[in-house]
């Protein structure tokens, strides 16, 4: 029996990984299928290299999710079926590039887009002073910008702790990528 569904493709923020989205994905209504993109060097992909540019991130998302996107395109099993995009934070930055590519290459586009907790793709996230602090003193930057991240950093063992340093690295690389 066929049931109407909509697919929601999700694009996480700077240090997010799939596990942080698991509760959201599994609690979606029965009519909504949720697919969460996980960037390289995050979560289940820790050994893969970091994306160095916004374009690399969009390229990876396109390649990883292309089989699912193709189902919506001409000749796909869900041809013409609606889908939506949901981003968190800086995930919205590369989501715009991905949407453009989907329209150009597969002639599809999302029915709806939800961009949460982040600026428009043409607006910087940080001031020039904030970016300089992020690049030159990441610890001080997070004390001012995101104190909860620094508390988590300290709980993980702080300076010299592999897991604590990995946390700050993920956050800072993610923010720098989108500036």
N, C-alpha and C. Protein backbone atom coordinates (compact mmCIF):
# COMPACT_ATOMS: atom_id res chain seq x y z
N UNK A 1 0.85 -1.18 0.00
CA UNK A 1 0.00 0.00 0.00
C UNK A 1 0.89 1.24 0.00
N UNK A 2 0.57 2.18 -0.86
CA UNK A 2 1.33 3.42 -0.94
C UNK A 2 0.77 4.42 0.07
N UNK A 3 1.66 5.14 0.70
CA UNK A 3 1.26 6.17 1.65
C UNK A 3 1.96 7.47 1.27
N UNK A 4 1.26 8.59 1.30
CA UNK A 4 1.92 9.87 1.00
C UNK A 4 2.99 10.16 2.05
N UNK A 5 4.13 10.61 1.59
CA UNK A 5 5.22 10.98 2.49
C UNK A 5 5.93 12.19 1.94
N UNK A 6 6.64 12.85 2.81
CA UNK A 6 7.56 13.90 2.40
C UNK A 6 8.90 13.55 3.02
N UNK A 7 9.95 13.84 2.31
CA UNK A 7 11.30 13.58 2.82
C UNK A 7 11.89 14.93 3.24
N UNK A 8 12.53 14.93 4.41
CA UNK A 8 13.19 16.12 4.93
C UNK A 8 14.68 15.85 5.02
N UNK A 9 15.45 16.57 4.22
CA UNK A 9 16.91 16.44 4.23
C UNK A 9 17.46 17.48 5.20
N UNK A 10 18.30 17.02 6.14
CA UNK A 10 18.80 17.89 7.19
C UNK A 10 20.31 18.11 7.05
N UNK A 11 20.73 19.35 7.30
CA UNK A 11 22.12 19.75 7.16
C UNK A 11 22.59 20.38 8.46
N UNK A 12 23.43 19.65 9.22
CA UNK A 12 23.83 20.07 10.55
C UNK A 12 24.74 21.30 10.59
N UNK A 13 24.90 21.80 11.81
CA UNK A 13 25.77 22.94 12.06
C UNK A 13 27.23 22.54 12.19
N UNK A 14 28.05 23.47 12.66
CA UNK A 14 29.51 23.34 12.65
C UNK A 14 30.04 22.08 13.32
N UNK A 15 29.60 21.76 14.51
CA UNK A 15 30.16 20.61 15.23
C UNK A 15 29.14 19.50 15.43
N UNK A 16 28.00 19.61 14.77
CA UNK A 16 26.96 18.58 14.90
C UNK A 16 27.40 17.28 14.24
N UNK A 17 26.81 16.21 14.67
CA UNK A 17 26.95 14.93 13.99
C UNK A 17 25.59 14.23 14.01
N UNK A 18 25.50 13.13 13.31
CA UNK A 18 24.22 12.43 13.17
C UNK A 18 23.60 12.10 14.53
N UNK A 19 24.42 11.69 15.47
CA UNK A 19 23.88 11.28 16.78
C UNK A 19 23.12 12.42 17.47
N UNK A 20 23.53 13.65 17.25
CA UNK A 20 22.82 14.78 17.83
C UNK A 20 21.46 15.00 17.19
N UNK A 21 21.25 14.43 16.01
CA UNK A 21 20.00 14.57 15.27
C UNK A 21 19.13 13.32 15.37
N UNK A 22 19.62 12.28 16.01
CA UNK A 22 18.93 11.00 16.04
C UNK A 22 17.53 11.10 16.65
N UNK A 23 17.40 11.76 17.77
CA UNK A 23 16.08 11.89 18.41
C UNK A 23 15.11 12.63 17.50
N UNK A 24 15.59 13.70 16.87
CA UNK A 24 14.74 14.44 15.93
C UNK A 24 14.30 13.54 14.77
N UNK A 25 15.25 12.81 14.20
CA UNK A 25 14.96 11.97 13.04
C UNK A 25 13.97 10.85 13.38
N UNK A 26 14.12 10.26 14.54
CA UNK A 26 13.27 9.12 14.89
C UNK A 26 11.91 9.54 15.47
N UNK A 27 11.76 10.81 15.83
CA UNK A 27 10.48 11.24 16.38
C UNK A 27 9.64 12.01 15.35
N UNK A 28 10.09 12.03 14.11
CA UNK A 28 9.31 12.70 13.05
C UNK A 28 7.99 11.96 12.86
N UNK A 29 6.97 12.66 12.39
CA UNK A 29 5.69 11.99 12.13
C UNK A 29 5.85 10.90 11.07
N UNK A 30 4.93 9.95 11.07
CA UNK A 30 5.02 8.80 10.16
C UNK A 30 5.02 9.22 8.69
N UNK A 31 4.47 10.37 8.37
CA UNK A 31 4.42 10.82 6.98
C UNK A 31 5.68 11.56 6.54
N UNK A 32 6.68 11.66 7.44
CA UNK A 32 7.91 12.40 7.12
C UNK A 32 9.13 11.50 7.31
N UNK A 33 9.85 11.28 6.24
CA UNK A 33 11.10 10.53 6.29
C UNK A 33 12.24 11.53 6.43
N UNK A 34 13.11 11.33 7.41
CA UNK A 34 14.19 12.27 7.70
C UNK A 34 15.53 11.66 7.29
N UNK A 35 16.30 12.42 6.53
CA UNK A 35 17.65 12.02 6.11
C UNK A 35 18.63 13.09 6.58
N UNK A 36 19.62 12.71 7.38
CA UNK A 36 20.57 13.66 7.95
C UNK A 36 21.93 13.49 7.27
N UNK A 37 22.44 14.56 6.70
CA UNK A 37 23.78 14.56 6.11
C UNK A 37 24.80 14.72 7.22
N UNK A 38 25.84 13.91 7.17
CA UNK A 38 26.94 14.05 8.13
C UNK A 38 28.22 14.39 7.38
N UNK A 39 28.79 15.56 7.65
CA UNK A 39 30.00 15.98 6.94
C UNK A 39 31.21 15.09 7.25
N UNK A 40 32.17 15.15 6.35
CA UNK A 40 33.44 14.45 6.59
C UNK A 40 34.07 14.95 7.89
N UNK A 41 34.81 14.06 8.55
CA UNK A 41 35.52 14.34 9.80
C UNK A 41 34.58 14.55 10.98
N UNK A 42 33.32 14.15 10.86
CA UNK A 42 32.34 14.26 11.94
C UNK A 42 31.75 12.88 12.21
N UNK A 43 31.30 12.65 13.44
CA UNK A 43 30.52 11.46 13.80
C UNK A 43 31.05 10.16 13.24
N UNK A 44 30.30 9.56 12.32
CA UNK A 44 30.67 8.27 11.75
C UNK A 44 31.73 8.38 10.66
N UNK A 45 32.19 9.58 10.38
CA UNK A 45 33.18 9.79 9.31
C UNK A 45 34.45 10.46 9.85
N UNK A 46 34.93 10.05 11.04
CA UNK A 46 36.04 10.78 11.67
C UNK A 46 37.38 10.67 10.94
N UNK A 47 37.59 9.61 10.19
CA UNK A 47 38.90 9.43 9.55
C UNK A 47 38.99 10.11 8.18
N UNK A 48 37.89 10.68 7.71
CA UNK A 48 37.91 11.36 6.42
C UNK A 48 38.46 12.78 6.60
N UNK A 49 39.07 13.33 5.57
CA UNK A 49 39.66 14.68 5.69
C UNK A 49 38.59 15.77 5.82
N UNK A 50 38.95 16.84 6.51
CA UNK A 50 38.07 17.99 6.65
C UNK A 50 37.83 18.63 5.29
N UNK A 51 36.65 19.16 5.09
CA UNK A 51 36.40 19.98 3.91
C UNK A 51 37.14 21.29 4.11
N UNK A 52 37.82 21.74 3.07
CA UNK A 52 38.58 22.98 3.17
C UNK A 52 37.79 24.19 2.68
N UNK A 53 36.74 23.92 1.91
CA UNK A 53 35.93 25.02 1.39
C UNK A 53 34.45 24.68 1.50
N UNK A 54 33.66 25.70 1.40
CA UNK A 54 32.21 25.54 1.38
C UNK A 54 31.79 24.70 0.17
N UNK A 55 32.46 24.90 -0.94
CA UNK A 55 32.15 24.15 -2.16
C UNK A 55 32.45 22.66 -1.99
N UNK A 56 33.53 22.32 -1.29
CA UNK A 56 33.84 20.91 -1.02
C UNK A 56 32.74 20.27 -0.18
N UNK A 57 32.23 20.99 0.81
CA UNK A 57 31.16 20.48 1.67
C UNK A 57 29.90 20.23 0.84
N UNK A 58 29.55 21.17 -0.03
CA UNK A 58 28.37 21.02 -0.88
C UNK A 58 28.55 19.85 -1.85
N UNK A 59 29.75 19.71 -2.40
CA UNK A 59 30.04 18.60 -3.32
C UNK A 59 29.88 17.26 -2.61
N UNK A 60 30.41 17.17 -1.41
CA UNK A 60 30.30 15.93 -0.64
C UNK A 60 28.84 15.62 -0.33
N UNK A 61 28.08 16.62 0.09
CA UNK A 61 26.66 16.40 0.40
C UNK A 61 25.92 15.92 -0.85
N UNK A 62 26.22 16.51 -1.99
CA UNK A 62 25.57 16.10 -3.24
C UNK A 62 25.89 14.64 -3.55
N UNK A 63 27.16 14.28 -3.46
CA UNK A 63 27.55 12.90 -3.80
C UNK A 63 26.98 11.88 -2.82
N UNK A 64 27.04 12.19 -1.53
CA UNK A 64 26.56 11.27 -0.50
C UNK A 64 25.05 11.05 -0.62
N UNK A 65 24.32 12.13 -0.89
CA UNK A 65 22.85 12.06 -0.89
C UNK A 65 22.25 11.93 -2.29
N UNK A 66 23.08 11.88 -3.31
CA UNK A 66 22.59 11.84 -4.69
C UNK A 66 21.61 10.69 -4.95
N UNK A 67 21.88 9.46 -4.47
CA UNK A 67 20.89 8.39 -4.73
C UNK A 67 19.49 8.73 -4.22
N UNK A 68 19.42 9.36 -3.07
CA UNK A 68 18.11 9.75 -2.54
C UNK A 68 17.51 10.88 -3.37
N UNK A 69 18.32 11.86 -3.73
CA UNK A 69 17.82 12.97 -4.54
C UNK A 69 17.31 12.48 -5.89
N UNK A 70 17.98 11.49 -6.47
CA UNK A 70 17.58 10.99 -7.78
C UNK A 70 16.19 10.36 -7.77
N UNK A 71 15.75 9.90 -6.62
CA UNK A 71 14.41 9.32 -6.56
C UNK A 71 13.34 10.37 -6.84
N UNK A 72 13.62 11.66 -6.59
CA UNK A 72 12.68 12.75 -6.82
C UNK A 72 12.72 13.26 -8.27
N UNK A 73 13.81 12.96 -8.96
CA UNK A 73 14.03 13.49 -10.31
C UNK A 73 13.25 12.70 -11.36
N UNK A 74 13.26 13.21 -12.58
CA UNK A 74 12.56 12.56 -13.70
C UNK A 74 13.02 11.11 -13.83
N UNK A 75 12.06 10.20 -13.83
CA UNK A 75 12.35 8.77 -13.94
C UNK A 75 12.60 8.08 -12.62
N UNK A 76 12.70 8.85 -11.51
CA UNK A 76 12.92 8.26 -10.19
C UNK A 76 11.65 7.64 -9.64
N UNK A 77 11.80 6.74 -8.67
CA UNK A 77 10.62 6.06 -8.12
C UNK A 77 9.67 7.01 -7.40
N UNK A 78 10.19 8.17 -7.00
CA UNK A 78 9.35 9.18 -6.34
C UNK A 78 9.31 10.46 -7.17
N UNK A 79 9.36 10.32 -8.48
CA UNK A 79 9.42 11.48 -9.36
C UNK A 79 8.37 12.52 -8.98
N UNK A 80 8.86 13.73 -8.76
CA UNK A 80 7.95 14.84 -8.43
C UNK A 80 7.50 14.89 -6.98
N UNK A 81 7.87 13.91 -6.17
CA UNK A 81 7.45 13.91 -4.77
C UNK A 81 8.08 15.10 -4.03
N UNK A 82 7.35 15.70 -3.11
CA UNK A 82 7.89 16.87 -2.40
C UNK A 82 8.98 16.48 -1.42
N UNK A 83 9.89 17.40 -1.21
CA UNK A 83 10.91 17.24 -0.17
C UNK A 83 11.25 18.61 0.37
N UNK A 84 11.81 18.60 1.56
CA UNK A 84 12.20 19.85 2.20
C UNK A 84 13.63 19.79 2.68
N UNK A 85 14.18 20.96 2.97
CA UNK A 85 15.51 21.10 3.55
C UNK A 85 15.38 21.75 4.92
N UNK A 86 16.19 21.29 5.86
CA UNK A 86 16.29 21.89 7.19
C UNK A 86 17.76 22.03 7.52
N UNK A 87 18.18 23.22 7.88
CA UNK A 87 19.58 23.42 8.26
C UNK A 87 19.66 23.98 9.67
N UNK A 88 20.81 23.74 10.26
CA UNK A 88 21.12 24.30 11.57
C UNK A 88 22.41 25.10 11.44
N UNK A 89 22.37 26.33 11.91
CA UNK A 89 23.57 27.16 11.92
C UNK A 89 24.21 27.26 10.55
N UNK A 90 25.51 26.98 10.53
CA UNK A 90 26.27 27.13 9.29
C UNK A 90 25.90 26.09 8.24
N UNK A 91 25.10 25.09 8.60
CA UNK A 91 24.61 24.14 7.60
C UNK A 91 23.83 24.82 6.49
N UNK A 92 23.23 25.97 6.81
CA UNK A 92 22.49 26.72 5.81
C UNK A 92 23.36 27.34 4.74
N UNK A 93 24.64 27.52 5.06
CA UNK A 93 25.55 28.13 4.09
C UNK A 93 25.77 27.23 2.88
N UNK A 94 26.07 25.96 3.11
CA UNK A 94 26.31 25.08 1.96
C UNK A 94 25.00 24.52 1.41
N UNK A 95 23.92 24.57 2.18
CA UNK A 95 22.62 24.11 1.71
C UNK A 95 22.19 24.90 0.47
N UNK A 96 22.50 26.19 0.44
CA UNK A 96 22.13 27.01 -0.71
C UNK A 96 22.89 26.55 -1.96
N UNK A 97 24.17 26.24 -1.83
CA UNK A 97 24.95 25.73 -2.96
C UNK A 97 24.40 24.39 -3.44
N UNK A 98 24.04 23.55 -2.50
CA UNK A 98 23.50 22.24 -2.84
C UNK A 98 22.16 22.38 -3.58
N UNK A 99 21.31 23.26 -3.10
CA UNK A 99 20.00 23.46 -3.75
C UNK A 99 20.19 23.95 -5.18
N UNK A 100 21.14 24.84 -5.38
CA UNK A 100 21.42 25.33 -6.74
C UNK A 100 21.86 24.19 -7.64
N UNK A 101 22.75 23.35 -7.15
CA UNK A 101 23.23 22.23 -7.96
C UNK A 101 22.11 21.23 -8.27
N UNK A 102 21.25 20.96 -7.32
CA UNK A 102 20.12 20.06 -7.57
C UNK A 102 19.22 20.59 -8.68
N UNK A 103 19.00 21.88 -8.67
CA UNK A 103 18.16 22.47 -9.71
C UNK A 103 18.84 22.38 -11.07
N UNK A 104 20.15 22.63 -11.10
CA UNK A 104 20.88 22.61 -12.37
C UNK A 104 21.04 21.20 -12.94
N UNK A 105 21.37 20.23 -12.08
CA UNK A 105 21.72 18.90 -12.57
C UNK A 105 20.57 17.90 -12.58
N UNK A 106 19.65 18.02 -11.62
CA UNK A 106 18.56 17.05 -11.54
C UNK A 106 17.18 17.68 -11.78
N UNK A 107 17.16 18.98 -11.97
CA UNK A 107 15.91 19.72 -12.20
C UNK A 107 14.90 19.52 -11.08
N UNK A 108 15.40 19.51 -9.84
CA UNK A 108 14.52 19.41 -8.67
C UNK A 108 14.88 20.51 -7.68
N UNK A 109 13.94 20.85 -6.84
CA UNK A 109 14.19 21.83 -5.79
C UNK A 109 13.26 21.53 -4.61
N UNK A 110 13.69 21.91 -3.41
CA UNK A 110 12.84 21.64 -2.25
C UNK A 110 11.54 22.44 -2.29
N UNK A 111 10.50 21.83 -1.77
CA UNK A 111 9.22 22.50 -1.65
C UNK A 111 9.28 23.58 -0.57
N UNK A 112 10.05 23.28 0.49
CA UNK A 112 10.15 24.18 1.64
C UNK A 112 11.58 24.10 2.19
N UNK A 113 12.04 25.22 2.74
CA UNK A 113 13.37 25.29 3.34
C UNK A 113 13.24 25.94 4.71
N UNK A 114 13.81 25.29 5.73
CA UNK A 114 13.85 25.82 7.09
C UNK A 114 15.31 26.06 7.44
N UNK A 115 15.70 27.29 7.60
CA UNK A 115 17.08 27.63 7.97
C UNK A 115 17.04 28.13 9.42
N UNK A 116 17.57 27.32 10.32
CA UNK A 116 17.50 27.63 11.75
C UNK A 116 18.84 28.10 12.30
N UNK A 117 18.80 29.13 13.12
CA UNK A 117 19.94 29.54 13.92
C UNK A 117 21.17 29.84 13.07
N UNK A 118 21.01 30.59 12.03
CA UNK A 118 22.15 30.97 11.22
C UNK A 118 21.77 32.10 10.28
N UNK A 119 22.77 32.83 9.82
CA UNK A 119 22.50 33.94 8.91
C UNK A 119 22.23 33.46 7.49
N UNK A 120 21.75 34.36 6.68
CA UNK A 120 21.60 34.06 5.25
C UNK A 120 22.99 33.80 4.66
N UNK A 121 23.07 33.04 3.56
CA UNK A 121 24.37 32.69 2.98
C UNK A 121 25.25 33.88 2.62
N UNK A 122 24.67 35.05 2.39
CA UNK A 122 25.47 36.22 2.01
C UNK A 122 25.82 37.12 3.20
N UNK A 123 25.53 36.66 4.42
CA UNK A 123 25.79 37.46 5.62
C UNK A 123 26.82 36.75 6.48
N UNK A 124 27.89 37.43 6.87
CA UNK A 124 28.90 36.79 7.72
C UNK A 124 28.32 36.41 9.09
N UNK A 125 28.81 35.34 9.66
CA UNK A 125 28.40 34.92 10.99
C UNK A 125 29.08 35.77 12.05
N UNK A 126 30.33 36.13 11.80
CA UNK A 126 31.15 36.83 12.79
C UNK A 126 31.60 38.20 12.27
N UNK A 127 31.87 39.08 13.21
CA UNK A 127 32.50 40.36 12.85
C UNK A 127 33.97 40.08 12.51
N UNK A 128 34.65 41.07 11.96
CA UNK A 128 36.08 40.90 11.66
C UNK A 128 36.86 40.61 12.94
N UNK A 129 36.53 41.31 14.03
CA UNK A 129 37.21 41.11 15.30
C UNK A 129 36.94 39.70 15.84
N UNK A 130 35.69 39.25 15.71
CA UNK A 130 35.35 37.90 16.16
C UNK A 130 36.09 36.83 15.37
N UNK A 131 36.19 37.02 14.07
CA UNK A 131 36.92 36.06 13.24
C UNK A 131 38.40 36.02 13.61
N UNK A 132 39.01 37.19 13.82
CA UNK A 132 40.43 37.23 14.22
C UNK A 132 40.64 36.50 15.54
N UNK A 133 39.74 36.69 16.49
CA UNK A 133 39.85 36.00 17.77
C UNK A 133 39.71 34.49 17.57
N UNK A 134 38.78 34.06 16.74
CA UNK A 134 38.60 32.64 16.45
C UNK A 134 39.87 32.03 15.88
N UNK A 135 40.52 32.73 14.96
CA UNK A 135 41.72 32.22 14.31
C UNK A 135 42.92 32.20 15.25
N UNK A 136 43.05 33.24 16.08
CA UNK A 136 44.28 33.40 16.88
C UNK A 136 44.18 32.97 18.34
N UNK A 137 42.97 32.87 18.89
CA UNK A 137 42.81 32.45 20.29
C UNK A 137 41.46 31.76 20.44
N UNK A 138 41.41 30.52 19.97
CA UNK A 138 40.14 29.79 19.92
C UNK A 138 39.52 29.61 21.31
N UNK A 139 40.35 29.39 22.33
CA UNK A 139 39.83 29.24 23.69
C UNK A 139 39.12 30.50 24.17
N UNK A 140 39.74 31.64 23.98
CA UNK A 140 39.13 32.91 24.39
C UNK A 140 37.87 33.20 23.56
N UNK A 141 37.94 32.88 22.27
CA UNK A 141 36.77 33.07 21.42
C UNK A 141 35.58 32.32 21.98
N UNK A 142 35.77 31.05 22.33
CA UNK A 142 34.64 30.26 22.83
C UNK A 142 34.22 30.65 24.23
N UNK A 143 35.13 31.19 25.03
CA UNK A 143 34.71 31.71 26.33
C UNK A 143 33.71 32.85 26.15
N UNK A 144 33.92 33.67 25.13
CA UNK A 144 33.04 34.81 24.87
C UNK A 144 31.83 34.45 24.02
N UNK A 145 32.05 33.68 22.97
CA UNK A 145 31.02 33.41 21.97
C UNK A 145 30.08 32.28 22.38
N UNK A 146 30.64 31.24 22.97
CA UNK A 146 29.85 30.06 23.30
C UNK A 146 30.37 29.42 24.59
N UNK A 147 30.06 30.03 25.72
CA UNK A 147 30.58 29.53 27.00
C UNK A 147 30.24 28.07 27.28
N UNK A 148 29.09 27.59 26.82
CA UNK A 148 28.73 26.18 27.04
C UNK A 148 29.72 25.24 26.38
N UNK A 149 30.25 25.63 25.23
CA UNK A 149 31.25 24.80 24.56
C UNK A 149 32.51 24.73 25.41
N UNK A 150 32.89 25.83 26.03
CA UNK A 150 34.08 25.81 26.89
C UNK A 150 33.84 24.97 28.14
N UNK A 151 32.63 25.00 28.68
CA UNK A 151 32.33 24.13 29.83
C UNK A 151 32.43 22.66 29.42
N UNK A 152 31.92 22.34 28.24
CA UNK A 152 32.03 20.97 27.73
C UNK A 152 33.49 20.61 27.50
N UNK A 153 34.26 21.54 26.97
CA UNK A 153 35.71 21.36 26.75
C UNK A 153 36.40 21.00 28.07
N UNK A 154 36.09 21.74 29.10
CA UNK A 154 36.70 21.48 30.43
C UNK A 154 36.25 20.12 30.98
N UNK A 155 34.99 19.77 30.81
CA UNK A 155 34.49 18.46 31.28
C UNK A 155 35.20 17.31 30.58
N UNK A 156 35.60 17.54 29.33
CA UNK A 156 36.29 16.51 28.56
C UNK A 156 37.78 16.43 28.89
N UNK A 157 38.25 17.29 29.81
CA UNK A 157 39.64 17.24 30.23
C UNK A 157 40.44 18.48 29.90
N UNK A 158 39.88 19.39 29.13
CA UNK A 158 40.55 20.65 28.82
C UNK A 158 41.80 20.49 27.98
N UNK A 159 42.70 21.47 28.12
CA UNK A 159 43.92 21.52 27.31
C UNK A 159 44.72 20.22 27.44
N UNK A 160 45.09 19.67 26.30
CA UNK A 160 45.86 18.44 26.26
C UNK A 160 45.02 17.18 26.13
N UNK A 161 43.73 17.28 26.38
CA UNK A 161 42.83 16.14 26.24
C UNK A 161 42.45 15.98 24.77
N UNK A 162 42.65 14.79 24.23
CA UNK A 162 42.36 14.55 22.81
C UNK A 162 40.90 14.85 22.47
N UNK A 163 39.98 14.39 23.30
CA UNK A 163 38.56 14.62 23.00
C UNK A 163 38.18 16.08 23.16
N UNK A 164 38.75 16.77 24.14
CA UNK A 164 38.46 18.19 24.33
C UNK A 164 38.99 19.01 23.16
N UNK A 165 40.22 18.72 22.75
CA UNK A 165 40.80 19.44 21.61
C UNK A 165 40.04 19.16 20.33
N UNK A 166 39.55 17.93 20.16
CA UNK A 166 38.77 17.58 18.97
C UNK A 166 37.47 18.38 18.93
N UNK A 167 36.86 18.59 20.10
CA UNK A 167 35.63 19.38 20.17
C UNK A 167 35.87 20.80 19.67
N UNK A 168 36.89 21.47 20.18
CA UNK A 168 37.18 22.84 19.75
C UNK A 168 37.60 22.88 18.29
N UNK A 169 38.32 21.87 17.86
CA UNK A 169 38.75 21.82 16.47
C UNK A 169 37.55 21.75 15.54
N UNK A 170 36.59 20.89 15.87
CA UNK A 170 35.38 20.76 15.04
C UNK A 170 34.63 22.08 14.96
N UNK A 171 34.43 22.70 16.12
CA UNK A 171 33.69 23.96 16.14
C UNK A 171 34.43 25.05 15.37
N UNK A 172 35.72 25.19 15.65
CA UNK A 172 36.45 26.31 15.03
C UNK A 172 36.65 26.10 13.54
N UNK A 173 36.94 24.87 13.11
CA UNK A 173 37.08 24.61 11.67
C UNK A 173 35.76 24.85 10.95
N UNK A 174 34.67 24.41 11.57
CA UNK A 174 33.36 24.61 10.97
C UNK A 174 33.01 26.08 10.79
N UNK A 175 33.28 26.88 11.83
CA UNK A 175 32.98 28.31 11.71
C UNK A 175 33.89 29.00 10.71
N UNK A 176 35.18 28.64 10.72
CA UNK A 176 36.11 29.27 9.77
C UNK A 176 35.75 28.92 8.33
N UNK A 177 35.28 27.71 8.12
CA UNK A 177 34.91 27.28 6.77
C UNK A 177 33.83 28.18 6.17
N UNK A 178 32.94 28.65 6.99
CA UNK A 178 31.80 29.41 6.50
C UNK A 178 31.97 30.91 6.55
N UNK A 179 33.14 31.37 6.93
CA UNK A 179 33.36 32.83 6.98
C UNK A 179 34.03 33.30 5.71
